[in-house]
Amino acid sequence: MEEFCLQYLSKEKYHVLIEFNWGGTIAALWFAYLYIKSQNISDTSYIAHFEEDFHATNKDWFIDSKNKLNSPPNYIYIGEHIPCVSDPKQNQKMCKVVKNDTRRQGRYIFKDIYSKYGCNIIDSKYTDGGYYFSNLKNLKCIEKKIGVFHKGNQNTKWNHVVDGIILGEVGFPSQVAQYYDFIGLDRKKYFSHEYLEH
């Protein structure tokens, strides 16, 4: 990722957003979206959002994400995933949270937990949470349908299980899936989820 930024963005201006961490990665995506929306840029501008310890292992992530976003069936965003254990047919599609998915054991979320936080979720679907790629136009569409991307309490510190997983990694895509389709790039082919020391 750093190599990509240095090669393609070295002459661009940077803006660092500093916010109270009440919602983890999805709240950070929300703040990045709000900032970009406030700028005078095209709705077709691309947005690539990574977790802090998540990085690309090759240069194909950008082109392949862009191609998937702009080709039928017109996905609203491109994420990343580890192929589903419970349903191999879902490997290139949205993963569904099911009780017997050993990789997601402990992440099966009951609807009453979502409703406590004001999430309107019919069925849980997700991509894993390390990467989100879209454009400004699509994120505006998501906002029109679900409002603030993360439904957590903006006055309390981020909690890994509730904010990171329930309302973030699973909650955000599950809300989006009621209106739009998304897909994930295979994590092993494109990314690494390891902290890098520089």
N, C-alpha and C. Protein backbone atom coordinates (compact mmCIF):
# COMPACT_ATOMS: atom_id res chain seq x y z
N MET A 1 0.83 -1.19 0.00
CA MET A 1 0.00 0.00 0.00
C MET A 1 0.87 1.25 0.00
N GLU A 2 1.91 1.25 0.84
CA GLU A 2 2.80 2.41 0.91
C GLU A 2 3.46 2.66 -0.45
N GLU A 3 3.88 1.58 -1.10
CA GLU A 3 4.53 1.71 -2.41
C GLU A 3 3.56 2.31 -3.42
N PHE A 4 2.30 1.86 -3.39
CA PHE A 4 1.28 2.40 -4.29
C PHE A 4 1.10 3.90 -4.05
N CYS A 5 0.99 4.28 -2.77
CA CYS A 5 0.78 5.69 -2.42
C CYS A 5 1.97 6.54 -2.88
N LEU A 6 3.18 6.05 -2.66
CA LEU A 6 4.36 6.81 -3.05
C LEU A 6 4.46 6.97 -4.56
N GLN A 7 4.05 5.91 -5.27
CA GLN A 7 4.16 5.94 -6.72
C GLN A 7 3.10 6.82 -7.36
N TYR A 8 1.87 6.74 -6.87
CA TYR A 8 0.76 7.40 -7.53
C TYR A 8 0.27 8.67 -6.83
N LEU A 9 0.58 8.82 -5.55
CA LEU A 9 0.01 9.94 -4.82
C LEU A 9 1.05 10.89 -4.27
N SER A 10 2.31 10.73 -4.66
CA SER A 10 3.37 11.51 -4.03
C SER A 10 3.22 13.01 -4.24
N LYS A 11 2.54 13.44 -5.29
CA LYS A 11 2.37 14.87 -5.54
C LYS A 11 1.00 15.38 -5.05
N GLU A 12 0.22 14.52 -4.45
CA GLU A 12 -1.10 14.91 -3.98
C GLU A 12 -1.03 15.49 -2.57
N LYS A 13 -2.06 16.25 -2.22
CA LYS A 13 -2.17 16.77 -0.87
C LYS A 13 -2.75 15.69 0.04
N TYR A 14 -2.34 15.70 1.29
CA TYR A 14 -2.85 14.75 2.26
C TYR A 14 -3.63 15.50 3.33
N HIS A 15 -4.63 14.86 3.86
CA HIS A 15 -5.39 15.43 4.97
C HIS A 15 -5.58 14.32 6.01
N VAL A 16 -5.11 14.53 7.22
CA VAL A 16 -5.22 13.53 8.28
C VAL A 16 -6.47 13.84 9.10
N LEU A 17 -7.34 12.84 9.26
CA LEU A 17 -8.55 12.99 10.06
C LEU A 17 -8.30 12.41 11.44
N ILE A 18 -8.53 13.19 12.46
CA ILE A 18 -8.38 12.71 13.83
C ILE A 18 -9.73 12.81 14.51
N GLU A 19 -10.25 11.66 14.91
CA GLU A 19 -11.58 11.59 15.51
C GLU A 19 -11.55 10.67 16.72
N PHE A 20 -12.45 10.89 17.65
CA PHE A 20 -12.64 10.00 18.78
C PHE A 20 -13.07 8.63 18.26
N ASN A 21 -12.43 7.56 18.72
CA ASN A 21 -12.72 6.22 18.19
C ASN A 21 -13.93 5.61 18.88
N TRP A 22 -15.09 5.88 18.33
CA TRP A 22 -16.33 5.29 18.86
C TRP A 22 -16.83 4.14 18.00
N GLY A 23 -16.28 3.96 16.80
CA GLY A 23 -16.83 2.93 15.93
C GLY A 23 -15.84 2.17 15.08
N GLY A 24 -14.56 2.30 15.34
CA GLY A 24 -13.58 1.51 14.60
C GLY A 24 -13.54 1.81 13.12
N THR A 25 -13.29 0.76 12.31
CA THR A 25 -13.06 0.90 10.88
C THR A 25 -14.24 1.52 10.15
N ILE A 26 -15.46 1.12 10.49
CA ILE A 26 -16.63 1.63 9.78
C ILE A 26 -16.89 3.09 10.13
N ALA A 27 -16.68 3.48 11.38
CA ALA A 27 -16.80 4.90 11.73
C ALA A 27 -15.72 5.70 10.99
N ALA A 28 -14.51 5.12 10.86
CA ALA A 28 -13.45 5.79 10.12
C ALA A 28 -13.83 5.95 8.65
N LEU A 29 -14.46 4.92 8.08
CA LEU A 29 -14.95 5.02 6.70
C LEU A 29 -15.98 6.14 6.60
N TRP A 30 -16.85 6.25 7.60
CA TRP A 30 -17.87 7.29 7.63
C TRP A 30 -17.22 8.69 7.63
N PHE A 31 -16.22 8.88 8.49
CA PHE A 31 -15.55 10.18 8.56
C PHE A 31 -14.81 10.50 7.27
N ALA A 32 -14.15 9.50 6.68
CA ALA A 32 -13.45 9.71 5.42
C ALA A 32 -14.45 10.10 4.33
N TYR A 33 -15.59 9.42 4.31
CA TYR A 33 -16.64 9.73 3.34
C TYR A 33 -17.14 11.17 3.52
N LEU A 34 -17.42 11.57 4.77
CA LEU A 34 -17.91 12.93 5.02
C LEU A 34 -16.90 13.97 4.55
N TYR A 35 -15.62 13.71 4.80
CA TYR A 35 -14.59 14.66 4.37
C TYR A 35 -14.55 14.74 2.84
N ILE A 36 -14.51 13.60 2.18
CA ILE A 36 -14.44 13.59 0.72
C ILE A 36 -15.67 14.23 0.10
N LYS A 37 -16.83 13.97 0.70
CA LYS A 37 -18.07 14.56 0.20
C LYS A 37 -18.04 16.09 0.30
N SER A 38 -17.33 16.61 1.29
CA SER A 38 -17.26 18.06 1.49
C SER A 38 -16.31 18.75 0.51
N GLN A 39 -15.51 17.98 -0.20
CA GLN A 39 -14.56 18.53 -1.16
C GLN A 39 -15.20 18.63 -2.54
N ASN A 40 -14.60 19.40 -3.38
CA ASN A 40 -15.11 19.59 -4.73
C ASN A 40 -14.48 18.55 -5.66
N ILE A 41 -14.92 17.29 -5.51
CA ILE A 41 -14.38 16.23 -6.36
C ILE A 41 -15.51 15.50 -7.05
N SER A 42 -15.18 14.77 -8.08
CA SER A 42 -16.15 14.04 -8.88
C SER A 42 -16.78 12.89 -8.09
N ASP A 43 -18.05 12.63 -8.35
CA ASP A 43 -18.74 11.50 -7.73
C ASP A 43 -18.15 10.16 -8.15
N THR A 44 -17.38 10.14 -9.22
CA THR A 44 -16.77 8.89 -9.69
C THR A 44 -15.38 8.67 -9.10
N SER A 45 -14.94 9.58 -8.21
CA SER A 45 -13.64 9.40 -7.55
C SER A 45 -13.65 8.16 -6.69
N TYR A 46 -12.56 7.39 -6.73
CA TYR A 46 -12.48 6.14 -5.99
C TYR A 46 -12.02 6.37 -4.55
N ILE A 47 -12.51 5.52 -3.67
CA ILE A 47 -12.14 5.56 -2.27
C ILE A 47 -11.70 4.16 -1.86
N ALA A 48 -10.47 4.02 -1.41
CA ALA A 48 -9.95 2.75 -0.90
C ALA A 48 -9.68 2.94 0.59
N HIS A 49 -10.33 2.14 1.41
CA HIS A 49 -10.24 2.29 2.86
C HIS A 49 -9.72 1.00 3.47
N PHE A 50 -8.61 1.09 4.22
CA PHE A 50 -7.95 -0.08 4.80
C PHE A 50 -7.92 0.02 6.32
N GLU A 51 -8.00 -1.12 7.01
CA GLU A 51 -7.70 -1.15 8.43
C GLU A 51 -6.23 -0.79 8.61
N GLU A 52 -5.86 -0.32 9.80
CA GLU A 52 -4.50 0.17 10.03
C GLU A 52 -3.44 -0.93 9.89
N ASP A 53 -3.81 -2.19 10.12
CA ASP A 53 -2.84 -3.28 10.04
C ASP A 53 -3.09 -4.18 8.83
N PHE A 54 -3.70 -3.60 7.81
CA PHE A 54 -4.09 -4.35 6.62
C PHE A 54 -3.40 -3.71 5.42
N HIS A 55 -2.81 -4.51 4.56
CA HIS A 55 -2.12 -3.93 3.42
C HIS A 55 -2.17 -4.86 2.21
N ALA A 56 -2.00 -4.24 1.03
CA ALA A 56 -1.98 -5.01 -0.21
C ALA A 56 -0.63 -5.70 -0.37
N THR A 57 -0.66 -6.89 -0.97
CA THR A 57 0.57 -7.64 -1.21
C THR A 57 0.97 -7.62 -2.69
N ASN A 58 0.14 -6.99 -3.52
CA ASN A 58 0.45 -6.84 -4.94
C ASN A 58 -0.27 -5.61 -5.48
N LYS A 59 -0.02 -5.29 -6.74
CA LYS A 59 -0.61 -4.09 -7.34
C LYS A 59 -1.96 -4.35 -8.00
N ASP A 60 -2.39 -5.60 -8.03
CA ASP A 60 -3.64 -5.94 -8.72
C ASP A 60 -4.89 -5.52 -7.97
N TRP A 61 -4.78 -5.26 -6.67
CA TRP A 61 -5.96 -4.94 -5.87
C TRP A 61 -6.73 -3.75 -6.43
N PHE A 62 -6.02 -2.72 -6.89
CA PHE A 62 -6.69 -1.51 -7.36
C PHE A 62 -7.41 -1.75 -8.68
N ILE A 63 -6.72 -2.29 -9.65
CA ILE A 63 -7.32 -2.54 -10.97
C ILE A 63 -8.48 -3.53 -10.86
N ASP A 64 -8.27 -4.61 -10.11
CA ASP A 64 -9.33 -5.61 -9.98
C ASP A 64 -10.53 -5.07 -9.22
N SER A 65 -10.30 -4.25 -8.21
CA SER A 65 -11.41 -3.62 -7.48
C SER A 65 -12.18 -2.68 -8.40
N LYS A 66 -11.44 -1.87 -9.14
CA LYS A 66 -12.07 -0.92 -10.06
C LYS A 66 -12.88 -1.65 -11.13
N ASN A 67 -12.31 -2.71 -11.68
CA ASN A 67 -13.02 -3.47 -12.72
C ASN A 67 -14.30 -4.10 -12.18
N LYS A 68 -14.23 -4.68 -10.97
CA LYS A 68 -15.42 -5.30 -10.39
C LYS A 68 -16.48 -4.25 -10.06
N LEU A 69 -16.06 -3.09 -9.61
CA LEU A 69 -17.00 -2.03 -9.26
C LEU A 69 -17.73 -1.50 -10.49
N ASN A 70 -17.04 -1.45 -11.62
CA ASN A 70 -17.59 -0.82 -12.82
C ASN A 70 -18.17 -1.80 -13.83
N SER A 71 -18.24 -3.07 -13.48
CA SER A 71 -18.78 -4.07 -14.40
C SER A 71 -20.05 -4.67 -13.82
N PRO A 72 -20.98 -5.10 -14.69
CA PRO A 72 -22.19 -5.76 -14.16
C PRO A 72 -21.79 -6.91 -13.26
N PRO A 73 -22.48 -7.10 -12.15
CA PRO A 73 -23.80 -6.55 -11.80
C PRO A 73 -23.77 -5.25 -11.00
N ASN A 74 -22.74 -4.43 -11.14
CA ASN A 74 -22.67 -3.12 -10.50
C ASN A 74 -22.73 -3.21 -8.98
N TYR A 75 -21.68 -3.77 -8.41
CA TYR A 75 -21.58 -3.86 -6.95
C TYR A 75 -21.46 -2.47 -6.35
N ILE A 76 -22.00 -2.29 -5.15
CA ILE A 76 -21.95 -0.99 -4.47
C ILE A 76 -20.58 -0.76 -3.84
N TYR A 77 -19.94 -1.83 -3.38
CA TYR A 77 -18.56 -1.72 -2.90
C TYR A 77 -17.86 -3.05 -3.08
N ILE A 78 -16.54 -2.99 -3.04
CA ILE A 78 -15.71 -4.19 -3.11
C ILE A 78 -15.00 -4.31 -1.77
N GLY A 79 -15.13 -5.46 -1.14
CA GLY A 79 -14.46 -5.71 0.13
C GLY A 79 -13.38 -6.76 -0.04
N GLU A 80 -13.11 -7.46 1.03
CA GLU A 80 -12.18 -8.59 0.98
C GLU A 80 -12.75 -9.69 1.86
N HIS A 81 -12.33 -10.91 1.61
CA HIS A 81 -12.86 -12.00 2.41
C HIS A 81 -11.90 -13.18 2.46
N ILE A 82 -12.09 -13.96 3.49
CA ILE A 82 -11.51 -15.28 3.57
C ILE A 82 -12.63 -16.20 3.13
N PRO A 83 -12.40 -17.07 2.15
CA PRO A 83 -13.51 -17.89 1.65
C PRO A 83 -14.31 -18.55 2.77
N CYS A 84 -15.62 -18.57 2.61
CA CYS A 84 -16.54 -19.07 3.63
C CYS A 84 -16.35 -20.56 3.87
N VAL A 85 -16.31 -20.94 5.12
CA VAL A 85 -16.18 -22.34 5.50
C VAL A 85 -17.52 -23.05 5.37
N SER A 86 -18.58 -22.37 5.77
CA SER A 86 -19.88 -23.03 5.85
C SER A 86 -20.55 -23.25 4.51
N ASP A 87 -20.21 -22.45 3.51
CA ASP A 87 -20.89 -22.56 2.22
C ASP A 87 -19.90 -22.22 1.10
N PRO A 88 -19.20 -23.23 0.57
CA PRO A 88 -18.19 -22.98 -0.46
C PRO A 88 -18.73 -22.25 -1.69
N LYS A 89 -20.04 -22.39 -1.97
CA LYS A 89 -20.62 -21.70 -3.12
C LYS A 89 -20.62 -20.19 -2.92
N GLN A 90 -20.48 -19.74 -1.68
CA GLN A 90 -20.50 -18.32 -1.37
C GLN A 90 -19.11 -17.68 -1.48
N ASN A 91 -18.09 -18.46 -1.86
CA ASN A 91 -16.72 -17.95 -1.80
C ASN A 91 -16.49 -16.64 -2.55
N GLN A 92 -17.15 -16.41 -3.66
CA GLN A 92 -16.97 -15.17 -4.40
C GLN A 92 -18.09 -14.17 -4.12
N LYS A 93 -18.95 -14.50 -3.19
CA LYS A 93 -20.09 -13.62 -2.92
C LYS A 93 -20.09 -13.21 -1.45
N MET A 94 -21.16 -12.57 -1.05
CA MET A 94 -21.29 -12.18 0.35
C MET A 94 -21.36 -13.42 1.22
N CYS A 95 -20.65 -13.42 2.31
CA CYS A 95 -20.73 -14.52 3.26
C CYS A 95 -21.93 -14.30 4.16
N LYS A 96 -22.59 -15.36 4.52
CA LYS A 96 -23.74 -15.28 5.41
C LYS A 96 -23.34 -15.84 6.77
N VAL A 97 -23.67 -15.12 7.82
CA VAL A 97 -23.33 -15.58 9.16
C VAL A 97 -24.30 -16.68 9.55
N VAL A 98 -23.77 -17.86 9.83
CA VAL A 98 -24.61 -18.99 10.23
C VAL A 98 -24.05 -19.59 11.51
N LYS A 99 -24.89 -20.27 12.26
CA LYS A 99 -24.50 -20.78 13.57
C LYS A 99 -23.36 -21.78 13.50
N ASN A 100 -23.28 -22.58 12.44
CA ASN A 100 -22.26 -23.63 12.39
C ASN A 100 -21.02 -23.24 11.59
N ASP A 101 -20.84 -21.97 11.32
CA ASP A 101 -19.64 -21.51 10.62
C ASP A 101 -18.51 -21.41 11.65
N THR A 102 -17.60 -22.39 11.65
CA THR A 102 -16.58 -22.44 12.70
C THR A 102 -15.65 -21.23 12.66
N ARG A 103 -15.44 -20.66 11.47
CA ARG A 103 -14.57 -19.49 11.38
C ARG A 103 -15.21 -18.26 12.01
N ARG A 104 -16.53 -18.23 12.04
CA ARG A 104 -17.25 -17.10 12.60
C ARG A 104 -17.93 -17.47 13.92
N GLN A 105 -17.49 -18.53 14.56
CA GLN A 105 -18.10 -18.94 15.81
C GLN A 105 -17.99 -17.78 16.81
N GLY A 106 -19.08 -17.49 17.47
CA GLY A 106 -19.10 -16.36 18.39
C GLY A 106 -19.52 -15.07 17.72
N ARG A 107 -19.65 -15.09 16.39
CA ARG A 107 -20.06 -13.88 15.68
C ARG A 107 -21.49 -14.00 15.16
N TYR A 108 -22.18 -15.07 15.50
CA TYR A 108 -23.57 -15.18 15.09
C TYR A 108 -24.36 -14.16 15.90
N ILE A 109 -24.97 -13.23 15.23
CA ILE A 109 -25.57 -12.08 15.88
C ILE A 109 -27.09 -12.19 15.83
N PHE A 110 -27.73 -12.06 16.97
CA PHE A 110 -29.17 -12.11 17.02
C PHE A 110 -29.78 -10.76 16.69
N LYS A 111 -30.95 -10.79 16.04
CA LYS A 111 -31.58 -9.57 15.57
C LYS A 111 -31.90 -8.59 16.69
N ASP A 112 -32.16 -9.09 17.91
CA ASP A 112 -32.49 -8.17 19.00
C ASP A 112 -31.28 -7.33 19.40
N ILE A 113 -30.06 -7.83 19.19
CA ILE A 113 -28.87 -7.03 19.47
C ILE A 113 -28.79 -5.87 18.48
N TYR A 114 -29.04 -6.17 17.21
CA TYR A 114 -29.03 -5.11 16.21
C TYR A 114 -30.10 -4.07 16.51
N SER A 115 -31.29 -4.53 16.84
CA SER A 115 -32.39 -3.59 17.06
C SER A 115 -32.10 -2.68 18.25
N LYS A 116 -31.35 -3.16 19.23
CA LYS A 116 -30.96 -2.34 20.38
C LYS A 116 -30.19 -1.10 19.92
N TYR A 117 -29.44 -1.25 18.85
CA TYR A 117 -28.63 -0.15 18.34
C TYR A 117 -29.27 0.55 17.14
N GLY A 118 -30.52 0.24 16.88
CA GLY A 118 -31.22 0.92 15.80
C GLY A 118 -30.84 0.46 14.41
N CYS A 119 -30.30 -0.76 14.30
CA CYS A 119 -29.95 -1.31 12.99
C CYS A 119 -31.14 -2.06 12.43
N ASN A 120 -31.48 -1.76 11.20
CA ASN A 120 -32.55 -2.48 10.52
C ASN A 120 -31.89 -3.58 9.69
N ILE A 121 -31.81 -4.79 10.25
CA ILE A 121 -31.14 -5.89 9.56
C ILE A 121 -32.07 -7.09 9.48
N ILE A 122 -32.28 -7.56 8.28
CA ILE A 122 -33.12 -8.72 8.05
C ILE A 122 -32.28 -9.99 8.12
N ASP A 123 -31.11 -9.97 7.51
CA ASP A 123 -30.24 -11.14 7.44
C ASP A 123 -28.79 -10.66 7.51
N SER A 124 -27.94 -11.40 8.17
CA SER A 124 -26.54 -10.99 8.32
C SER A 124 -25.71 -11.47 7.13
N LYS A 125 -25.08 -10.51 6.45
CA LYS A 125 -24.17 -10.81 5.35
C LYS A 125 -22.98 -9.88 5.48
N TYR A 126 -21.82 -10.33 5.06
CA TYR A 126 -20.64 -9.49 5.27
C TYR A 126 -19.52 -9.85 4.30
N THR A 127 -18.60 -8.92 4.15
CA THR A 127 -17.26 -9.24 3.69
C THR A 127 -16.41 -9.04 4.94
N ASP A 128 -15.22 -9.59 4.98
CA ASP A 128 -14.37 -9.36 6.15
C ASP A 128 -13.97 -7.89 6.17
N GLY A 129 -13.52 -7.41 7.31
CA GLY A 129 -13.48 -5.98 7.53
C GLY A 129 -12.21 -5.22 7.24
N GLY A 130 -11.25 -5.78 6.52
CA GLY A 130 -9.97 -5.10 6.34
C GLY A 130 -9.92 -4.08 5.23
N TYR A 131 -10.88 -4.13 4.30
CA TYR A 131 -10.76 -3.32 3.08
C TYR A 131 -12.14 -3.02 2.52
N TYR A 132 -12.33 -1.75 2.13
CA TYR A 132 -13.57 -1.32 1.48
C TYR A 132 -13.18 -0.40 0.32
N PHE A 133 -13.71 -0.69 -0.85
CA PHE A 133 -13.39 0.09 -2.05
C PHE A 133 -14.69 0.47 -2.75
N SER A 134 -14.84 1.74 -3.04
CA SER A 134 -16.05 2.19 -3.74
C SER A 134 -15.76 3.52 -4.39
N ASN A 135 -16.81 4.24 -4.75
CA ASN A 135 -16.65 5.61 -5.23
C ASN A 135 -17.61 6.51 -4.46
N LEU A 136 -17.45 7.79 -4.62
CA LEU A 136 -18.25 8.74 -3.86
C LEU A 136 -19.74 8.59 -4.16
N LYS A 137 -20.08 8.38 -5.41
CA LYS A 137 -21.48 8.22 -5.80
C LYS A 137 -22.12 7.05 -5.05
N ASN A 138 -21.43 5.92 -4.99
CA ASN A 138 -21.98 4.74 -4.32
C ASN A 138 -22.13 4.96 -2.82
N LEU A 139 -21.14 5.62 -2.21
CA LEU A 139 -21.25 5.88 -0.78
C LEU A 139 -22.39 6.83 -0.46
N LYS A 140 -22.66 7.76 -1.36
CA LYS A 140 -23.83 8.63 -1.20
C LYS A 140 -25.12 7.81 -1.25
N CYS A 141 -25.16 6.83 -2.14
CA CYS A 141 -26.34 5.94 -2.23
C CYS A 141 -26.52 5.17 -0.93
N ILE A 142 -25.42 4.67 -0.37
CA ILE A 142 -25.49 3.94 0.89
C ILE A 142 -26.01 4.85 1.99
N GLU A 143 -25.50 6.07 2.05
CA GLU A 143 -25.95 7.00 3.09
C GLU A 143 -27.45 7.27 2.98
N LYS A 144 -27.95 7.41 1.75
CA LYS A 144 -29.38 7.66 1.57
C LYS A 144 -30.24 6.52 2.10
N LYS A 145 -29.71 5.30 2.01
CA LYS A 145 -30.47 4.12 2.45
C LYS A 145 -30.33 3.83 3.93
N ILE A 146 -29.12 3.96 4.49
CA ILE A 146 -28.93 3.53 5.89
C ILE A 146 -28.52 4.65 6.83
N GLY A 147 -28.22 5.84 6.31
CA GLY A 147 -27.77 6.93 7.17
C GLY A 147 -26.33 6.74 7.59
N VAL A 148 -26.00 7.11 8.83
CA VAL A 148 -24.64 6.95 9.35
C VAL A 148 -24.24 5.48 9.22
N PHE A 149 -23.04 5.24 8.68
CA PHE A 149 -22.63 3.87 8.40
C PHE A 149 -22.53 3.01 9.64
N HIS A 150 -22.09 3.58 10.74
CA HIS A 150 -21.92 2.83 11.99
C HIS A 150 -22.95 3.32 13.00
N LYS A 151 -23.69 2.40 13.60
CA LYS A 151 -24.81 2.76 14.48
C LYS A 151 -24.44 2.79 15.95
N GLY A 152 -23.16 2.72 16.28
CA GLY A 152 -22.73 2.73 17.67
C GLY A 152 -22.92 4.07 18.35
N ASN A 153 -22.74 4.07 19.64
CA ASN A 153 -22.85 5.29 20.45
C ASN A 153 -21.62 6.15 20.19
N GLN A 154 -21.82 7.35 19.67
CA GLN A 154 -20.72 8.22 19.30
C GLN A 154 -20.03 8.86 20.51
N ASN A 155 -20.57 8.62 21.71
CA ASN A 155 -19.99 9.19 22.93
C ASN A 155 -19.25 8.16 23.79
N THR A 156 -19.18 6.92 23.32
CA THR A 156 -18.47 5.89 24.09
C THR A 156 -17.34 5.31 23.25
N LYS A 157 -16.27 4.89 23.93
CA LYS A 157 -15.10 4.35 23.25
C LYS A 157 -15.42 3.05 22.53
N TRP A 158 -14.78 2.83 21.40
CA TRP A 158 -14.93 1.64 20.57
C TRP A 158 -14.71 0.37 21.38
N ASN A 159 -15.60 -0.60 21.15
CA ASN A 159 -15.51 -1.93 21.75
C ASN A 159 -15.35 -2.93 20.61
N HIS A 160 -14.36 -3.81 20.71
CA HIS A 160 -14.04 -4.72 19.61
C HIS A 160 -15.23 -5.56 19.16
N VAL A 161 -15.91 -6.20 20.10
CA VAL A 161 -17.00 -7.11 19.73
C VAL A 161 -18.22 -6.34 19.23
N VAL A 162 -18.69 -5.38 20.03
CA VAL A 162 -19.92 -4.66 19.67
C VAL A 162 -19.70 -3.75 18.47
N ASP A 163 -18.70 -2.88 18.56
CA ASP A 163 -18.49 -1.89 17.51
C ASP A 163 -17.72 -2.44 16.32
N GLY A 164 -16.68 -3.22 16.61
CA GLY A 164 -15.85 -3.74 15.53
C GLY A 164 -16.52 -4.81 14.71
N ILE A 165 -17.23 -5.72 15.37
CA ILE A 165 -17.82 -6.86 14.66
C ILE A 165 -19.33 -6.70 14.46
N ILE A 166 -20.07 -6.61 15.57
CA ILE A 166 -21.54 -6.62 15.47
C ILE A 166 -22.06 -5.45 14.64
N LEU A 167 -21.65 -4.23 14.99
CA LEU A 167 -22.15 -3.05 14.29
C LEU A 167 -21.28 -2.64 13.11
N GLY A 168 -20.03 -3.12 13.07
CA GLY A 168 -19.11 -2.74 12.02
C GLY A 168 -18.98 -3.76 10.92
N GLU A 169 -18.11 -4.74 11.15
CA GLU A 169 -17.76 -5.72 10.12
C GLU A 169 -18.95 -6.52 9.61
N VAL A 170 -19.91 -6.81 10.48
CA VAL A 170 -21.12 -7.53 10.06
C VAL A 170 -22.29 -6.58 9.89
N GLY A 171 -22.44 -5.63 10.81
CA GLY A 171 -23.60 -4.74 10.81
C GLY A 171 -23.71 -3.84 9.60
N PHE A 172 -22.61 -3.18 9.24
CA PHE A 172 -22.64 -2.27 8.09
C PHE A 172 -22.97 -3.01 6.79
N PRO A 173 -22.24 -4.08 6.43
CA PRO A 173 -22.58 -4.78 5.20
C PRO A 173 -23.99 -5.38 5.23
N SER A 174 -24.43 -5.84 6.39
CA SER A 174 -25.77 -6.44 6.48
C SER A 174 -26.85 -5.42 6.18
N GLN A 175 -26.64 -4.18 6.62
CA GLN A 175 -27.60 -3.13 6.28
C GLN A 175 -27.55 -2.81 4.79
N VAL A 176 -26.34 -2.71 4.26
CA VAL A 176 -26.16 -2.40 2.84
C VAL A 176 -26.77 -3.50 1.97
N ALA A 177 -26.64 -4.76 2.38
CA ALA A 177 -27.10 -5.91 1.58
C ALA A 177 -28.60 -5.93 1.36
N GLN A 178 -29.33 -5.18 2.15
CA GLN A 178 -30.78 -5.12 1.94
C GLN A 178 -31.13 -4.32 0.68
N TYR A 179 -30.18 -3.53 0.20
CA TYR A 179 -30.44 -2.64 -0.94
C TYR A 179 -29.50 -2.88 -2.12
N TYR A 180 -28.27 -3.30 -1.83
CA TYR A 180 -27.26 -3.40 -2.88
C TYR A 180 -26.44 -4.68 -2.70
N ASP A 181 -25.78 -5.08 -3.79
CA ASP A 181 -24.86 -6.21 -3.76
C ASP A 181 -23.43 -5.71 -3.60
N PHE A 182 -22.61 -6.52 -2.97
CA PHE A 182 -21.18 -6.26 -2.87
C PHE A 182 -20.45 -7.58 -2.98
N ILE A 183 -19.14 -7.51 -3.12
CA ILE A 183 -18.35 -8.72 -3.29
C ILE A 183 -16.98 -8.48 -2.66
N GLY A 184 -16.28 -9.56 -2.33
CA GLY A 184 -14.96 -9.43 -1.73
C GLY A 184 -13.87 -10.04 -2.57
N LEU A 185 -12.71 -9.39 -2.60
CA LEU A 185 -11.52 -9.99 -3.19
C LEU A 185 -10.97 -11.01 -2.20
N ASP A 186 -10.40 -12.09 -2.70
CA ASP A 186 -9.84 -13.12 -1.84
C ASP A 186 -8.64 -12.56 -1.08
N ARG A 187 -8.72 -12.56 0.24
CA ARG A 187 -7.66 -11.98 1.07
C ARG A 187 -6.29 -12.57 0.75
N LYS A 188 -6.22 -13.89 0.60
CA LYS A 188 -4.91 -14.54 0.40
C LYS A 188 -4.25 -14.12 -0.91
N LYS A 189 -5.04 -13.77 -1.89
CA LYS A 189 -4.51 -13.39 -3.19
C LYS A 189 -4.03 -11.93 -3.23
N TYR A 190 -4.67 -11.06 -2.45
CA TYR A 190 -4.41 -9.63 -2.59
C TYR A 190 -3.84 -8.93 -1.36
N PHE A 191 -4.07 -9.48 -0.17
CA PHE A 191 -3.80 -8.71 1.04
C PHE A 191 -3.09 -9.52 2.13
N SER A 192 -2.60 -8.79 3.11
CA SER A 192 -2.09 -9.38 4.33
C SER A 192 -2.65 -8.60 5.50
N HIS A 193 -3.00 -9.32 6.56
CA HIS A 193 -3.58 -8.68 7.74
C HIS A 193 -2.58 -8.79 8.88
N GLU A 194 -1.45 -8.16 8.70
CA GLU A 194 -0.39 -8.20 9.69
C GLU A 194 0.14 -6.80 9.90
N TYR A 195 0.49 -6.49 11.12
CA TYR A 195 1.06 -5.18 11.42
C TYR A 195 2.46 -5.10 10.80
N LEU A 196 2.73 -3.99 10.16
CA LEU A 196 4.04 -3.79 9.53
C LEU A 196 4.83 -2.77 10.34
N GLU A 197 6.05 -3.11 10.71
CA GLU A 197 6.91 -2.14 11.39
C GLU A 197 7.79 -1.47 10.35
N HIS A 198 7.89 -0.16 10.44
CA HIS A 198 8.70 0.61 9.47
C HIS A 198 9.89 1.20 10.17
